[in-house]
Protein backbone atom coordinates (compact mmCIF):
# COMPACT_ATOMS: atom_id res chain seq x y z
CA MET A 1 86.42 31.97 132.43
CA ARG A 2 89.72 31.18 133.47
CA ARG A 3 89.51 27.70 133.96
CA THR A 4 87.65 27.63 130.23
CA LEU A 5 90.76 29.26 129.11
CA GLN A 6 93.19 27.11 130.54
CA PHE A 7 91.14 24.04 129.39
CA ALA A 8 91.27 25.41 125.95
CA ALA A 9 94.83 25.85 125.71
CA LEU A 10 95.68 22.73 127.33
CA CYS A 11 93.39 21.15 124.59
CA VAL A 12 94.93 22.83 121.97
CA ALA A 13 98.75 21.89 123.11
CA LEU A 14 97.67 18.36 123.42
CA CYS A 15 95.82 18.25 119.78
CA ILE A 16 98.78 20.41 118.09
CA SER A 17 101.53 17.70 120.05
CA GLY A 18 99.50 14.37 118.52
CA MET A 19 98.65 15.62 115.33
CA GLY A 20 100.17 15.50 112.34
CA LEU A 21 101.02 18.35 110.06
CA ALA A 22 98.69 18.31 107.95
CA ARG A 23 96.13 18.33 110.55
CA ALA A 24 98.26 21.38 112.31
CA GLU A 25 97.78 23.86 109.64
CA THR A 26 94.48 23.91 110.56
CA PHE A 27 95.10 25.54 113.45
CA ASN A 28 94.15 28.87 113.23
CA THR A 29 96.84 30.98 114.95
CA ALA A 30 96.02 34.10 114.25
CA ASP A 31 92.40 33.81 116.25
CA PHE A 32 94.02 31.64 119.31
CA ARG A 33 96.63 34.63 119.76
CA THR A 34 94.22 37.04 120.09
CA LYS A 35 92.62 34.37 122.68
CA ALA A 36 95.77 34.96 124.33
CA VAL A 37 96.39 38.68 124.40
CA GLU A 38 92.20 38.74 125.80
CA ALA A 39 93.47 36.41 128.74
CA LEU A 40 96.59 38.37 129.05
CA ALA A 41 94.03 41.42 128.90
CA ALA A 42 92.06 39.83 131.77
CA GLY A 43 95.03 39.10 133.80
CA ASP A 44 94.80 35.57 133.39
CA ALA A 45 98.70 34.92 132.87
CA HIS A 46 98.29 31.30 133.44
CA ALA A 47 95.83 30.57 130.09
CA ALA A 48 98.28 33.27 128.56
CA LEU A 49 101.07 31.33 129.12
CA ALA A 50 99.80 27.69 128.06
CA MET A 51 98.50 29.20 124.82
CA ALA A 52 101.39 30.77 124.08
CA ASP A 53 103.24 27.60 124.87
CA ALA A 54 100.72 25.46 122.28
CA LEU A 55 101.68 28.48 119.78
CA LEU A 56 105.22 27.57 120.08
CA THR A 57 105.05 23.65 120.05
CA ARG A 58 103.47 24.10 116.56
CA ASP A 59 106.24 27.21 115.40
CA PRO A 60 109.25 27.51 117.60
CA GLN A 61 109.96 30.77 115.50
CA ASP A 62 106.40 32.59 116.08
CA PHE A 63 107.51 36.00 117.06
CA ASP A 64 104.10 36.75 118.55
CA ALA A 65 104.06 33.78 121.26
CA HIS A 66 107.18 34.48 122.14
CA LEU A 67 106.48 37.89 122.99
CA LEU A 68 102.89 36.91 124.56
CA ARG A 69 105.14 33.86 126.51
CA ALA A 70 107.55 36.63 127.91
CA ARG A 71 104.31 39.01 129.06
CA ALA A 72 102.79 36.03 130.53
CA ALA A 73 105.93 34.63 132.44
CA ARG A 74 106.67 38.03 133.61
CA GLU A 75 103.21 38.72 135.01
CA LEU A 76 103.65 35.15 137.24
CA GLY A 77 107.13 36.11 138.55
CA GLN A 78 109.04 33.49 136.37
CA ASN A 79 111.21 36.53 135.78
CA ALA A 80 114.21 33.54 133.86
CA ASP A 81 111.65 32.54 131.51
CA ALA A 82 110.70 35.95 130.35
CA LEU A 83 114.06 36.97 130.25
CA SER A 84 114.53 33.90 127.86
CA ALA A 85 111.43 34.44 126.07
CA SER A 86 112.43 38.09 125.41
CA GLU A 87 115.33 37.45 124.41
CA THR A 88 114.11 35.13 121.71
CA ALA A 89 111.62 37.81 120.53
CA TRP A 90 114.22 39.95 120.02
CA SER A 91 116.85 38.30 117.94
CA LEU A 92 113.68 37.26 115.85
CA ALA A 93 112.16 40.42 115.05
CA ASP A 94 112.60 41.99 111.99
CA THR A 95 110.76 45.48 111.81
CA ASP A 96 111.00 48.29 113.39
CA LEU A 97 107.48 47.49 115.39
CA GLU A 98 108.68 44.31 116.06
CA ARG A 99 111.95 45.54 117.71
CA HIS A 100 109.82 48.20 119.74
CA ALA A 101 107.57 45.46 121.21
CA ALA A 102 110.68 42.81 122.12
CA ALA A 103 112.49 45.77 123.27
CA LEU A 104 109.67 47.13 125.54
CA VAL A 105 109.24 43.38 126.92
CA ARG A 106 112.50 43.11 127.36
CA ALA A 107 112.89 46.07 129.40
CA GLN A 108 110.08 44.97 131.71
CA ALA A 109 111.11 41.80 132.26
CA LEU A 110 114.40 43.61 133.50
CA SER A 111 113.14 45.64 135.35
CA SER A 112 111.00 43.11 137.18
CA SER A 113 114.44 40.87 137.67
CA ASP A 114 115.63 44.22 139.56
CA ARG A 115 118.29 44.95 136.58
CA ARG A 116 117.01 48.55 136.11
CA THR A 117 119.91 49.65 134.29
CA ALA A 118 119.51 47.28 131.63
CA ALA A 119 116.21 47.91 131.22
CA GLN A 120 116.75 51.56 130.89
CA LEU A 121 119.15 50.59 127.59
CA TRP A 122 116.62 48.23 126.20
CA LEU A 123 113.71 51.42 126.65
CA ARG A 124 116.25 53.27 125.03
CA ARG A 125 116.14 50.94 122.04
CA ALA A 126 112.30 51.08 122.50
CA VAL A 127 112.47 54.54 121.47
CA GLN A 128 114.84 54.18 119.11
CA TYR A 129 112.37 51.77 117.18
CA ALA A 130 109.41 53.56 118.42
CA PRO A 131 106.75 53.37 115.09
CA ASP A 132 105.02 56.82 116.29
CA PRO A 133 105.10 60.02 118.43
CA ALA A 134 103.03 58.25 120.89
CA ALA A 135 104.98 54.95 121.18
CA ARG A 136 107.70 56.92 121.48
CA ALA A 137 106.29 58.95 124.39
CA ARG A 138 105.28 55.80 125.95
CA ALA A 139 108.45 54.54 126.10
CA ILE A 140 110.37 57.70 127.38
CA ARG A 141 107.64 57.88 130.04
CA ASP A 142 108.82 54.02 131.08
CA PHE A 143 112.23 55.02 131.08
CA ARG A 144 111.61 57.92 133.36
CA TYR A 145 109.68 55.45 135.75
CA VAL A 146 112.48 53.17 135.58
CA ARG A 147 115.05 55.64 136.09
CA ALA A 148 113.28 56.83 139.17
CA ARG A 149 113.23 53.81 140.67
CA ASN A 150 116.79 52.68 139.70
CA PRO A 151 119.14 52.98 142.65
CA VAL A 152 122.29 53.31 140.47
CA SER A 153 122.52 56.35 137.69
CA VAL A 154 125.08 56.49 134.80
CA ASP A 155 126.27 59.26 133.30
CA LEU A 156 128.91 59.10 130.40
CA ARG A 157 130.66 61.83 128.71
CA PHE A 158 132.70 61.89 125.48
CA GLY A 159 134.24 65.05 123.84
CA LEU A 160 135.92 66.17 120.78
CA ALA A 161 137.50 69.53 119.94
CA PRO A 162 139.88 71.48 118.33
CA ARG A 163 141.35 74.09 120.82
CA SER A 164 143.67 76.97 119.97
CA ASN A 165 144.79 77.32 123.51
CA ILE A 166 145.04 74.14 125.45
CA ASN A 167 147.74 75.32 127.68
CA ASN A 168 146.24 78.55 128.78
CA GLY A 169 149.12 80.47 127.56
CA SER A 170 149.63 84.28 126.77
CA VAL A 171 148.35 85.80 123.67
CA HIS A 172 151.63 87.69 123.86
CA SER A 173 154.93 86.12 122.74
CA SER A 174 156.65 89.09 124.70
CA ALA A 175 155.48 90.93 128.06
CA ARG A 176 157.19 93.19 130.36
CA LEU A 177 157.61 91.51 133.85
CA PHE A 178 159.03 92.78 137.02
CA ASP A 179 158.33 96.50 136.10
CA LEU A 180 161.50 96.79 134.07
CA PRO A 181 161.54 98.96 131.20
CA PHE A 182 161.75 96.71 128.64
CA GLU A 183 160.12 93.50 127.53
CA PHE A 184 161.03 89.57 128.11
CA GLN A 185 160.66 87.03 125.25
CA LEU A 186 157.85 84.52 126.24
CA SER A 187 158.83 80.95 125.96
CA GLY A 188 156.75 78.97 123.49
CA ALA A 189 155.40 76.65 126.16
CA ALA A 190 154.16 80.21 127.70
CA GLN A 191 152.43 80.92 124.97
CA ALA A 192 148.92 79.70 123.68
CA LEU A 193 149.67 76.48 121.85
CA SER A 194 146.94 75.08 119.63
CA GLY A 195 145.85 71.70 119.36
CA PHE A 196 143.20 68.59 119.80
CA GLU A 197 141.27 68.04 123.69
CA THR A 198 139.69 64.68 123.64
CA SER A 199 137.50 64.46 126.66
CA ALA A 200 135.51 61.49 128.44
CA GLY A 201 134.25 60.96 131.62
CA ALA A 202 131.75 58.65 133.84
CA SER A 203 129.37 59.60 136.83
CA LEU A 204 128.25 57.03 138.80
CA ARG A 205 125.49 57.83 141.36
CA TYR A 206 124.35 55.17 144.25
CA ARG A 207 121.56 55.49 146.20
CA ILE A 208 121.42 54.05 149.90
CA SER A 209 118.04 55.57 151.42
CA GLU A 210 115.02 56.96 149.96
CA ALA A 211 111.90 57.86 151.32
CA PRO A 212 108.64 59.99 149.90
CA THR A 213 110.94 63.33 151.08
CA HIS A 214 114.62 62.59 151.47
CA ALA A 215 117.25 60.82 149.63
CA THR A 216 120.77 59.80 150.28
CA ASP A 217 123.11 59.13 147.36
CA LEU A 218 126.83 58.15 146.90
CA ARG A 219 128.56 59.71 144.09
CA PHE A 220 131.93 58.93 141.93
CA SER A 221 133.21 61.00 139.14
CA LEU A 222 136.10 60.54 137.08
CA ASP A 223 136.79 62.35 133.87
CA SER A 224 139.58 62.83 131.50
CA ARG A 225 141.35 65.22 129.06
CA SER A 226 143.94 64.66 127.03
CA TYR A 227 145.90 66.94 124.17
CA THR A 228 147.20 66.53 120.69
CA LEU A 229 149.26 69.45 120.02
CA SER A 230 149.01 71.21 116.26
CA LYS A 231 152.17 71.25 113.79
CA GLU A 232 152.44 75.11 114.45
CA ALA A 233 152.39 74.04 118.17
CA ARG A 234 155.25 72.09 118.02
CA ALA A 235 157.11 74.19 115.85
CA LEU A 236 156.59 76.99 118.81
CA ALA A 237 157.49 74.40 121.90
CA PRO A 238 159.56 71.83 120.44
CA ALA A 239 159.90 70.39 123.95
CA ALA A 240 156.25 70.40 124.53
CA ARG A 241 154.10 67.35 124.26
CA GLY A 242 150.14 66.81 124.46
CA SER A 243 150.84 64.57 127.64
CA ASP A 244 152.31 67.34 129.42
CA TYR A 245 148.63 69.23 129.70
CA GLY A 246 146.66 66.03 130.26
CA GLN A 247 144.03 65.95 133.07
CA ILE A 248 142.29 62.80 135.30
CA ASN A 249 139.92 64.24 137.85
CA LEU A 250 138.25 61.68 140.52
CA THR A 251 136.05 62.59 142.98
CA ALA A 252 134.14 60.57 145.28
CA GLY A 253 131.08 61.79 148.18
CA PHE A 254 127.41 61.87 149.30
CA LEU A 255 124.97 63.64 149.23
CA HIS A 256 121.85 64.21 151.05
CA ARG A 257 118.56 65.80 150.04
CA TRP A 258 115.62 66.60 152.23
CA SER A 259 112.57 68.29 151.08
CA ASP A 260 108.74 69.44 152.78
CA PRO A 261 105.84 67.89 152.15
CA THR A 262 104.81 70.04 149.16
CA GLY A 263 108.16 69.35 147.39
CA ARG A 264 108.18 73.02 146.69
CA ARG A 265 111.39 73.40 148.73
CA GLU A 266 114.33 71.04 149.05
CA TRP A 267 117.92 71.70 150.97
CA LEU A 268 121.14 69.38 150.64
CA VAL A 269 124.15 68.73 152.04
CA GLY A 270 126.92 66.72 150.27
CA ALA A 271 130.80 66.30 151.01
CA ASP A 272 133.15 64.78 148.28
CA ILE A 273 137.17 64.18 148.24
CA GLY A 274 138.93 64.14 145.08
CA ARG A 275 142.23 64.01 143.75
CA LEU A 276 143.78 66.15 140.32
CA TRP A 277 146.10 64.86 137.83
CA TYR A 278 147.65 66.98 135.47
CA GLY A 279 150.62 66.57 133.11
CA GLY A 280 150.63 62.36 134.43
CA ALA A 281 151.32 63.61 138.14
CA PRO A 282 149.29 63.83 141.20
CA TYR A 283 148.76 67.73 140.99
CA ALA A 284 146.01 68.14 144.03
CA ASP A 285 144.05 67.01 146.74
CA VAL A 286 140.84 68.33 147.02
CA ALA A 287 138.07 68.48 150.04
CA ARG A 288 134.70 69.87 149.59
CA LEU A 289 132.00 70.68 151.94
CA THR A 290 128.41 71.77 150.05
CA GLY A 291 124.99 72.88 151.45
CA GLY A 292 122.02 74.18 149.16
CA LEU A 293 118.44 74.93 149.00
CA ASN A 294 116.42 75.05 145.78
CA LEU A 295 112.86 76.61 145.75
CA ALA A 296 110.04 76.08 143.10
CA LEU A 297 108.14 79.30 142.70
CA PRO A 298 105.17 80.47 141.08
CA ASN A 299 105.04 80.31 136.97
CA SER A 300 107.69 77.36 136.83
CA GLN A 301 110.25 79.66 138.16
CA ARG A 302 113.00 77.96 140.25
CA LEU A 303 115.84 79.55 142.85
CA SER A 304 118.58 78.07 143.92
CA ILE A 305 121.46 78.83 146.84
CA ALA A 306 124.55 77.18 147.18
CA LEU A 307 126.76 77.27 149.98
CA THR A 308 130.62 75.54 149.54
CA GLU A 309 133.77 75.23 151.55
CA GLU A 310 136.45 73.75 149.54
CA ARG A 311 140.47 73.14 150.92
CA ASN A 312 142.67 72.70 148.19
CA ARG A 313 146.12 70.56 148.94
CA GLY A 314 148.65 68.45 147.41
CA PRO A 315 152.52 67.27 146.06
CA LEU A 316 152.18 70.42 143.91
CA ALA A 317 149.17 72.28 143.50
CA PRO A 318 149.39 75.58 146.21
CA SER A 319 147.23 75.54 149.66
CA SER A 320 144.42 77.41 149.38
CA ASP A 321 141.01 77.70 151.41
CA VAL A 322 137.81 78.49 148.81
CA SER A 323 134.78 79.71 150.04
CA ARG A 324 131.96 80.24 147.45
CA VAL A 325 128.27 81.66 147.25
CA ALA A 326 125.99 80.37 144.50
CA LEU A 327 123.04 81.96 143.13
CA GLY A 328 120.50 80.56 140.43
CA TRP A 329 116.88 81.42 139.04
CA SER A 330 115.54 79.75 136.25
CA ALA A 331 112.12 80.16 134.16
CA ALA A 332 110.26 79.27 131.23
CA LEU A 333 109.04 82.39 130.25
CA PRO A 334 105.32 82.76 128.58
CA SER A 335 105.58 81.54 124.74
CA GLY A 336 109.50 82.55 124.91
CA PRO A 337 112.79 80.75 125.95
CA MET A 338 114.07 79.11 129.06
CA LEU A 339 116.00 81.88 130.97
CA SER A 340 118.46 81.16 133.38
CA LEU A 341 120.55 83.38 135.16
CA SER A 342 123.52 82.85 137.98
CA ALA A 343 125.55 84.73 139.97
CA THR A 344 128.83 83.04 141.93
CA PHE A 345 131.29 85.08 144.80
CA ALA A 346 134.42 83.18 145.43
CA ASP A 347 137.37 84.09 147.62
CA SER A 348 140.31 82.14 147.71
CA THR A 349 142.70 82.13 150.68
CA SER A 350 146.55 81.15 150.07
CA ALA A 351 150.19 82.39 150.83
CA THR A 352 150.60 81.83 147.27
CA SER A 353 150.08 84.68 145.08
CA SER A 354 148.33 82.66 142.04
CA ALA A 355 145.86 81.36 144.52
CA ASP A 356 145.01 84.27 146.64
CA TYR A 357 142.25 85.76 144.65
CA ARG A 358 138.20 86.86 144.86
CA ASP A 359 136.13 86.20 142.19
CA LEU A 360 132.65 87.53 140.59
CA SER A 361 130.92 85.19 138.05
CA LEU A 362 128.11 85.99 136.32
CA GLY A 363 126.17 83.46 133.81
CA LEU A 364 122.97 84.12 131.75
CA ASP A 365 121.63 80.73 129.10
CA ILE A 366 118.95 81.50 126.74
CA ALA A 367 117.20 78.00 125.36
CA PRO A 368 114.96 79.16 122.48
CA ARG A 369 111.89 76.60 122.22
CA ARG A 370 111.87 77.30 118.08
CA PRO A 371 114.74 75.35 116.29
CA PHE A 372 117.40 76.95 115.40
CA PHE A 373 118.43 76.39 111.53
CA GLY A 374 116.52 72.49 112.79
CA ALA A 375 118.79 72.22 115.72
CA GLU A 376 117.71 72.85 119.69
CA ALA A 377 119.95 76.20 120.49
CA THR A 378 121.57 77.23 123.51
CA PHE A 379 123.29 80.48 123.84
CA SER A 380 125.40 81.23 126.81
CA LEU A 381 127.26 84.29 127.97
CA ASP A 382 129.99 84.63 131.39
CA LEU A 383 131.59 87.41 132.93
CA ARG A 384 133.91 86.90 135.37
CA GLY A 385 136.22 89.64 137.40
CA ARG A 386 139.26 88.21 139.48
CA ASP A 387 141.66 90.17 141.72
CA TYR A 388 144.87 89.33 143.19
CA PRO A 389 146.24 91.30 145.68
CA ALA A 390 149.94 90.20 144.59
CA ASN A 391 150.93 88.39 141.64
CA PRO A 392 154.89 87.25 141.21
CA PHE A 393 155.66 89.40 138.14
CA ALA A 394 154.78 92.93 139.01
CA ALA A 395 154.62 94.97 141.85
CA GLY A 396 150.62 95.24 143.18
CA PRO A 397 147.80 93.71 142.38
CA ARG A 398 146.52 91.81 139.68
CA ASN A 399 143.17 92.32 137.76
CA ASP A 400 141.39 89.94 135.38
CA ARG A 401 138.34 90.65 133.24
CA GLU A 402 137.20 87.42 131.47
CA VAL A 403 134.53 87.45 128.54
CA ALA A 404 132.99 83.55 127.62
CA ALA A 405 130.46 83.07 125.33
CA SER A 406 129.33 79.65 123.48
CA LEU A 407 126.43 78.35 121.04
CA SER A 408 125.25 74.91 121.38
CA LEU A 409 123.27 73.03 118.74
CA ALA A 410 121.55 69.65 119.62
CA LEU A 411 120.92 68.05 116.58
CA PRO A 412 117.55 65.69 117.24
CA LYS A 413 117.41 64.57 113.71
CA ALA A 414 120.68 62.57 114.69
CA GLU A 415 119.77 61.08 117.60
CA TYR A 416 120.54 57.39 118.62
CA LEU A 417 119.03 55.30 121.33
CA GLY A 418 118.01 58.71 122.98
CA PHE A 419 121.52 60.41 122.72
CA LYS A 420 121.93 63.93 120.42
CA PRO A 421 125.12 65.08 119.41
CA VAL A 422 125.64 68.13 120.48
CA LEU A 423 127.64 71.02 118.64
CA THR A 424 129.83 73.88 121.17
CA LEU A 425 131.38 76.72 119.40
CA SER A 426 132.72 78.93 122.42
CA ALA A 427 135.28 81.81 122.93
CA ARG A 428 136.80 82.81 125.49
CA LYS A 429 139.44 86.30 126.50
CA ASN A 430 141.06 87.07 129.58
CA ARG A 431 142.13 90.46 129.99
CA SER A 432 144.65 91.27 132.27
CA ASN A 433 146.55 94.66 133.94
CA VAL A 434 150.06 92.00 133.54
CA ALA A 435 149.98 91.12 129.94
CA ILE A 436 151.44 87.41 130.77
CA TYR A 437 148.00 86.71 132.25
CA GLU A 438 145.87 87.57 128.82
CA THR A 439 144.82 84.46 127.24
CA ARG A 440 142.42 83.72 124.09
CA ASP A 441 140.66 80.47 123.69
CA ILE A 442 138.21 79.43 120.76
CA GLY A 443 137.16 75.84 120.12
CA LEU A 444 134.27 74.09 118.61
CA SER A 445 133.45 70.45 120.17
CA LEU A 446 131.62 67.62 119.94
CA GLY A 447 129.67 65.70 122.69
CA PHE A 448 126.61 63.92 123.43
CA ARG A 449 123.67 64.30 125.82
CA SER A 450 120.27 62.65 126.57
CA ALA A 451 116.99 63.59 124.55
CA PHE A 452 115.33 62.34 127.89
């Protein structure tokens, strides 16, 4: 059968090249394409490639033939030819169905060439142009397959947000300090300044070792936040500039994970070093060591525990040693929302009062399964209590109690290339027995996250 198909393809190619246009027009391309597809499905990539070449001899702009040629060349390990044919197919695609098919073939050729990150981008395009839910689901399945085998993973972040308090300033214009019986007028820069925040970041993971029960990754992360002061903030603090509050955070480290043969228990250990710039100047150097355990429980429940030791040093930041214990639990409730609970205890030791504290945080996240006004909603509530044994503005301890809440709405109808825009409305209020530390912040941010 294989020799017959190869012989037929060769004969047709010779006939097309040697006959005139009038004779070539009698060539039944539809039947020939069908035979090429059948040959490819039967595993005869040689015959399929020869038939595709025959079709292209007749019509170099034949989209289907370029598609077939790319598939056949990939099966034969001719990756350069597969990439070239898939690129041409994409350039010839006129409909969403053709773009979907061309993007899939292009992704396959890139993946076979060990260019998996680029393959993921083309699979996102395949998802974008999927003609129906089933085709979309297949493209997403292929994306996850390639991502799981890609040693490189890149996560990009971007956000825009008007903020009522970009400098974490006090809600008060005056406050009693040093236990004196009168109030001091706070400077404009010490009060809450409103403005606009632009954030951007990227995380890179490179897998250096992998086996069925363990994996080791190198990790790099860069995040930046820049600010523009509002007209009201510039009037309140004429000497202040948005760049005074800008931040850049750079970290690098590794993470090693291993699990038992069932995959229900996963241990992890990691280390990171980083530097924080604040207002354009180096502020703090950080070294962090983390260990943890993730448990898969019955009924789709998950439990996690993490222990972290952190050392903060730097030219401007107060030196501190921080120990943290974090617990997390999540479950998909039957016929209900996704529920997550978290608790974190931190103990920071420092010779500087602003960095010597104990902190307890509790968090709740609820993600309903049903759309909320057409959007995928997540409700979050966080409570935090932080106690300082001393503070520089009054005798005795400082006690802060903070409440933060947010509503995030992912908009699936505005999805593009597998990324959904996410609107987040957030509010945070901190109460303190030292008035200067009482703060409030309200923000509305726009960001994006992957749908898969």
